[in-house]
Amino acid sequence: MSSEGGPTSPFSTLSISHPTEAITHVELHRPEKRNAMNRAFWSEMVDCFTQIADDSECRVVIVSGAGKIFTAGIDLMDMASDVLQPEGDDIARTSWNLRRIISKYQETFSVIEKCPKPVVVAVHGACVGGGVDLITACDIRLCTQDAWFQVKEVDIGLAADVGTLQRLPKVIGSRSLVNELALTARKMYSDEAKNSGLVSRVFPDKESMMAGALELAGEMAARSPVAVQGTKMNLIYSRDHSVAEGLQYMATWNMSMLQTQDVMKSAQAAMEKKSPKEVTFSKL
């Protein structure tokens, strides 16, 4: 996954390209199905981000959707048999099998969070159901003016179970707003998404958004991967732990990471009034 150039298709539901050597672009690529998440998607995302995590060339990831919208969410027609007709000889065994299936689907988005490379997601048009689960696992969220978001699950008779209910409250400051969105399945449009903190920037159209995402990714890719990836991992750890625990983890982390040559390189560049982009950092 380290070659530069246009899109490649090792996957049936994702298109992978490399705008620069250090940036990997993952595009949800079922435009004819509004990028609905079919059975193949759930395993391909895990394979894709596992590869990205191990790719020393890649420093930043951009995620977007092909076609008219970001994603319509779960492909109910394709997934119904897994969810509605789980196998098992009795209720206990059926329940265990269903638990395994749900846990596997949860990993589809948890793998984004576990990936040490920062992930920028760029949303245009609709982001429905599983799309919200996906974007809340990303580090930076951008959208177009026409984007809208919907926690759709209650409309199809279930509680969201692959990340939204756990991550959205950490992303949006208002618990009341999270509850309203999750309990009513109402749409949230781009202006409200920006005001609530779900996204950090809103762009006029997809073209300008993708240019903005690429610029943002370039800024992160230009900096020390030791610093950038360590920052992401500690931000996530601190989100889920107390301040005291986060500080202790940080001290343990940096007792080794501070010994990188990147610190001296960055300090030297600053003294010489150079941009981080002018410094060459080793792969990680």
Protein backbone atom coordinates (compact mmCIF):
# COMPACT_ATOMS: atom_id res chain seq x y z
CA MET A 1 0.00 0.00 0.00
CA SER A 2 2.99 2.28 -0.28
CA SER A 3 2.95 3.03 -4.01
CA GLU A 4 2.11 6.53 -5.19
CA GLY A 5 -0.48 7.24 -7.84
CA GLY A 6 -4.14 6.78 -8.66
CA PRO A 7 -6.74 4.46 -7.15
CA THR A 8 -6.11 0.74 -6.84
CA SER A 9 -8.60 -1.99 -5.97
CA PRO A 10 -7.32 -4.69 -3.65
CA PHE A 11 -10.81 -4.43 -2.12
CA SER A 12 -14.30 -4.57 -3.61
CA THR A 13 -15.83 -1.82 -1.46
CA LEU A 14 -12.85 0.52 -1.01
CA SER A 15 -10.61 2.40 -3.43
CA ILE A 16 -7.08 3.12 -2.19
CA SER A 17 -4.88 5.88 -3.61
CA HIS A 18 -1.77 7.81 -2.55
CA PRO A 19 -1.98 11.55 -3.25
CA THR A 20 1.56 11.77 -1.86
CA GLU A 21 4.00 9.17 -0.59
CA ALA A 22 3.01 9.85 3.03
CA ILE A 23 -0.78 10.17 2.59
CA THR A 24 -3.18 7.28 1.97
CA HIS A 25 -6.67 8.05 0.67
CA VAL A 26 -9.32 5.45 1.51
CA GLU A 27 -12.52 6.00 -0.47
CA LEU A 28 -15.79 4.18 0.25
CA HIS A 29 -16.44 2.93 -3.25
CA ARG A 30 -19.91 1.56 -3.92
CA PRO A 31 -21.34 4.71 -5.51
CA GLU A 32 -24.10 2.80 -7.30
CA LYS A 33 -25.31 1.60 -3.87
CA ARG A 34 -24.75 4.98 -2.15
CA ASN A 35 -21.72 3.42 -0.42
CA ALA A 36 -23.97 1.21 1.68
CA MET A 37 -21.99 -1.04 4.02
CA ASN A 38 -22.34 -4.63 2.79
CA ARG A 39 -20.83 -7.78 4.26
CA ALA A 40 -17.54 -7.37 2.39
CA PHE A 41 -17.09 -3.79 3.65
CA TRP A 42 -17.04 -4.80 7.31
CA SER A 43 -14.05 -7.12 6.85
CA GLU A 44 -12.27 -5.04 4.20
CA MET A 45 -12.08 -2.00 6.48
CA VAL A 46 -10.28 -4.10 9.09
CA ASP A 47 -7.82 -5.49 6.52
CA CYS A 48 -7.27 -2.03 5.02
CA PHE A 49 -6.51 -0.23 8.29
CA THR A 50 -4.42 -3.10 9.60
CA GLN A 51 -2.23 -2.72 6.52
CA ILE A 52 -2.11 1.06 6.91
CA ALA A 53 -1.08 0.75 10.57
CA ASP A 54 1.91 -1.36 9.49
CA ASP A 55 2.83 0.77 6.46
CA SER A 56 5.91 2.81 7.40
CA GLU A 57 5.45 5.03 4.34
CA CYS A 58 2.00 6.21 5.42
CA ARG A 59 1.79 9.03 7.96
CA VAL A 60 -1.79 10.28 7.52
CA VAL A 61 -5.06 8.83 6.18
CA ILE A 62 -7.96 10.59 4.45
CA VAL A 63 -11.34 8.82 4.28
CA SER A 64 -14.09 9.97 1.88
CA GLY A 65 -17.00 8.59 -0.13
CA ALA A 66 -17.36 8.16 -3.89
CA GLY A 67 -20.44 9.35 -5.76
CA LYS A 68 -23.29 11.55 -4.58
CA ILE A 69 -23.12 10.92 -0.81
CA PHE A 70 -20.69 9.74 1.88
CA THR A 71 -22.69 6.68 2.92
CA ALA A 72 -26.27 5.48 3.34
CA GLY A 73 -25.15 3.26 6.24
CA ILE A 74 -25.64 -0.48 6.61
CA ASP A 75 -26.76 -2.46 3.56
CA LEU A 76 -29.80 -4.07 5.13
CA MET A 77 -30.52 -6.41 2.22
CA ASP A 78 -27.01 -7.85 2.31
CA MET A 79 -26.65 -7.97 6.10
CA ALA A 80 -30.12 -9.16 7.13
CA SER A 81 -29.25 -12.86 7.36
CA ASP A 82 -26.33 -12.20 9.72
CA VAL A 83 -28.31 -10.01 12.09
CA LEU A 84 -31.86 -11.33 11.84
CA GLN A 85 -31.19 -15.06 11.48
CA PRO A 86 -28.15 -15.91 13.63
CA GLU A 87 -27.37 -19.61 13.99
CA GLY A 88 -27.62 -21.54 17.24
CA ASP A 89 -29.29 -24.61 18.76
CA ASP A 90 -30.98 -22.63 21.55
CA ILE A 91 -31.32 -19.05 22.82
CA ALA A 92 -27.99 -19.13 24.68
CA ARG A 93 -26.00 -20.38 21.69
CA THR A 94 -27.80 -18.06 19.28
CA SER A 95 -27.04 -15.15 21.61
CA TRP A 96 -23.34 -16.06 21.80
CA ASN A 97 -23.16 -16.22 18.01
CA LEU A 98 -24.89 -12.86 17.68
CA ARG A 99 -22.50 -11.36 20.24
CA ARG A 100 -19.56 -12.59 18.16
CA ILE A 101 -21.04 -11.03 15.02
CA ILE A 102 -21.65 -7.66 16.74
CA SER A 103 -18.12 -7.67 18.22
CA LYS A 104 -16.68 -8.32 14.75
CA TYR A 105 -18.63 -5.40 13.30
CA GLN A 106 -17.50 -3.15 16.15
CA GLU A 107 -13.88 -3.86 15.21
CA THR A 108 -14.55 -2.45 11.71
CA PHE A 109 -14.49 1.07 13.18
CA SER A 110 -12.38 0.47 16.27
CA VAL A 111 -9.53 -0.41 13.91
CA ILE A 112 -9.56 3.23 12.70
CA GLU A 113 -9.07 4.44 16.25
CA LYS A 114 -6.37 1.83 16.93
CA CYS A 115 -4.44 2.86 13.81
CA PRO A 116 -1.64 5.17 15.04
CA LYS A 117 -1.81 7.31 11.89
CA PRO A 118 -4.16 10.32 12.16
CA VAL A 119 -7.36 9.82 10.15
CA VAL A 120 -9.13 12.78 8.52
CA VAL A 121 -12.66 12.02 7.31
CA ALA A 122 -14.28 14.20 4.64
CA VAL A 123 -18.09 13.93 4.46
CA HIS A 124 -20.30 15.15 1.63
CA GLY A 125 -24.05 14.65 1.34
CA ALA A 126 -25.64 12.08 3.62
CA CYS A 127 -23.84 10.33 6.48
CA VAL A 128 -26.37 7.89 7.86
CA GLY A 129 -26.36 5.18 10.53
CA GLY A 130 -23.10 3.27 10.28
CA GLY A 131 -21.56 6.36 8.71
CA VAL A 132 -21.82 8.15 12.06
CA ASP A 133 -20.20 5.15 13.77
CA LEU A 134 -17.37 5.43 11.23
CA ILE A 135 -16.71 9.18 11.48
CA THR A 136 -16.74 9.26 15.28
CA ALA A 137 -13.81 6.81 15.24
CA CYS A 138 -11.81 9.26 13.06
CA ASP A 139 -9.56 11.98 14.46
CA ILE A 140 -10.60 15.02 12.40
CA ARG A 141 -13.98 15.46 10.72
CA LEU A 142 -14.66 17.82 7.80
CA CYS A 143 -17.85 18.22 5.78
CA THR A 144 -19.47 20.10 2.91
CA GLN A 145 -22.24 22.66 3.31
CA ASP A 146 -24.79 20.14 2.00
CA ALA A 147 -23.74 17.36 4.39
CA TRP A 148 -26.15 15.93 6.94
CA PHE A 149 -25.82 13.32 9.66
CA GLN A 150 -28.35 10.88 11.07
CA VAL A 151 -28.14 8.33 13.88
CA LYS A 152 -30.68 6.15 12.08
CA GLU A 153 -30.74 2.98 14.15
CA VAL A 154 -33.88 3.59 16.24
CA ASP A 155 -35.81 3.98 12.98
CA ILE A 156 -34.99 0.38 12.08
CA GLY A 157 -35.77 -1.01 15.53
CA LEU A 158 -32.39 -1.28 17.20
CA ALA A 159 -29.93 0.61 19.37
CA ALA A 160 -26.74 1.64 17.54
CA ASP A 161 -24.20 -1.02 18.48
CA VAL A 162 -20.92 -0.38 16.64
CA GLY A 163 -19.64 2.83 18.21
CA THR A 164 -21.95 5.85 17.94
CA LEU A 165 -23.44 5.60 21.44
CA GLN A 166 -19.97 5.20 22.93
CA ARG A 167 -18.01 7.77 20.87
CA LEU A 168 -20.52 10.50 19.95
CA PRO A 169 -20.87 11.67 23.60
CA LYS A 170 -17.07 12.08 23.68
CA VAL A 171 -17.15 14.12 20.45
CA ILE A 172 -20.11 16.44 21.13
CA GLY A 173 -20.07 18.41 24.37
CA SER A 174 -23.84 18.34 24.93
CA ARG A 175 -25.18 15.08 26.32
CA SER A 176 -28.70 16.38 25.74
CA LEU A 177 -28.02 16.87 22.03
CA VAL A 178 -26.48 13.39 21.72
CA ASN A 179 -29.54 11.88 23.39
CA GLU A 180 -31.87 13.85 21.11
CA LEU A 181 -30.06 12.73 17.95
CA ALA A 182 -29.85 9.08 19.03
CA LEU A 183 -33.40 8.80 20.38
CA THR A 184 -35.26 10.60 17.58
CA ALA A 185 -33.08 9.78 14.51
CA ARG A 186 -33.51 13.36 13.32
CA LYS A 187 -31.11 14.81 10.76
CA MET A 188 -28.31 17.15 11.80
CA TYR A 189 -27.16 19.55 9.08
CA SER A 190 -23.69 20.99 8.57
CA ASP A 191 -24.17 24.25 10.46
CA GLU A 192 -25.36 22.43 13.58
CA ALA A 193 -22.62 19.81 13.14
CA LYS A 194 -20.03 22.60 13.15
CA ASN A 195 -21.56 24.44 16.11
CA SER A 196 -21.79 21.26 18.18
CA GLY A 197 -18.21 20.17 17.44
CA LEU A 198 -19.02 17.09 15.36
CA VAL A 199 -16.99 18.62 12.52
CA SER A 200 -14.24 21.24 12.76
CA ARG A 201 -14.61 22.76 9.28
CA VAL A 202 -17.38 23.17 6.68
CA PHE A 203 -16.56 23.68 2.98
CA PRO A 204 -18.72 24.98 0.12
CA ASP A 205 -18.40 21.79 -1.95
CA LYS A 206 -16.64 18.44 -2.19
CA GLU A 207 -13.79 19.72 -4.34
CA SER A 208 -12.78 22.42 -1.85
CA MET A 209 -13.25 19.98 1.04
CA MET A 210 -10.92 17.39 -0.50
CA ALA A 211 -8.34 20.12 -1.17
CA GLY A 212 -8.66 21.21 2.48
CA ALA A 213 -8.33 17.60 3.69
CA LEU A 214 -5.21 17.13 1.60
CA GLU A 215 -3.68 20.35 2.92
CA LEU A 216 -4.45 19.35 6.50
CA ALA A 217 -3.02 15.87 5.94
CA GLY A 218 0.09 17.43 4.42
CA GLU A 219 0.65 19.55 7.53
CA MET A 220 0.55 16.45 9.75
CA ALA A 221 2.62 14.32 7.36
CA ALA A 222 5.38 16.96 7.37
CA ARG A 223 5.94 16.61 11.11
CA SER A 224 7.76 13.94 13.08
CA PRO A 225 5.77 10.68 12.88
CA VAL A 226 7.05 9.85 16.37
CA ALA A 227 5.45 13.06 17.64
CA VAL A 228 2.26 12.87 15.58
CA GLN A 229 1.45 9.21 16.21
CA GLY A 230 2.37 9.49 19.88
CA THR A 231 0.05 12.49 20.17
CA LYS A 232 -2.89 10.60 18.64
CA MET A 233 -2.43 7.57 20.87
CA ASN A 234 -2.14 9.66 24.03
CA LEU A 235 -5.16 11.80 23.14
CA ILE A 236 -7.26 8.64 22.82
CA TYR A 237 -5.86 7.16 26.04
CA SER A 238 -6.55 10.37 27.95
CA ARG A 239 -10.10 10.52 26.61
CA ASP A 240 -10.88 7.21 28.31
CA HIS A 241 -8.89 7.68 31.55
CA SER A 242 -8.50 10.17 34.39
CA VAL A 243 -6.08 13.10 34.14
CA ALA A 244 -3.75 11.40 36.62
CA GLU A 245 -3.75 8.14 34.64
CA GLY A 246 -3.22 10.03 31.39
CA LEU A 247 -0.24 11.91 32.80
CA GLN A 248 1.30 8.69 34.09
CA TYR A 249 0.83 6.99 30.72
CA MET A 250 2.33 10.05 28.98
CA ALA A 251 5.41 10.01 31.24
CA THR A 252 5.95 6.31 30.52
CA TRP A 253 5.42 6.90 26.81
CA ASN A 254 7.83 9.82 26.51
CA MET A 255 10.57 8.30 28.64
CA SER A 256 11.51 6.43 25.47
CA MET A 257 10.02 8.61 22.75
CA LEU A 258 11.89 11.75 23.90
CA GLN A 259 15.09 9.95 22.96
CA THR A 260 14.24 10.19 19.26
CA GLN A 261 16.52 12.19 16.96
CA ASP A 262 13.37 13.96 15.74
CA VAL A 263 13.45 16.26 18.79
CA MET A 264 16.91 17.59 17.94
CA LYS A 265 16.03 17.86 14.24
CA SER A 266 12.88 19.87 15.03
CA ALA A 267 14.68 22.12 17.53
CA GLN A 268 17.48 22.79 15.05
CA ALA A 269 14.93 23.67 12.34
CA ALA A 270 13.14 26.07 14.71
CA MET A 271 16.39 27.84 15.58
CA GLU A 272 17.18 28.17 11.89
CA LYS A 273 13.66 29.51 11.28
CA LYS A 274 12.86 26.59 9.00
CA SER A 275 9.42 25.02 8.48
CA PRO A 276 8.90 21.41 9.69
CA LYS A 277 8.31 20.63 6.01
CA GLU A 278 11.99 21.30 5.36
CA VAL A 279 13.08 18.59 7.82
CA THR A 280 13.50 14.97 6.75
CA PHE A 281 12.22 12.53 9.36
CA SER A 282 12.86 8.80 9.20
CA LYS A 283 9.97 6.43 8.49
CA LEU A 284 8.18 4.89 11.44
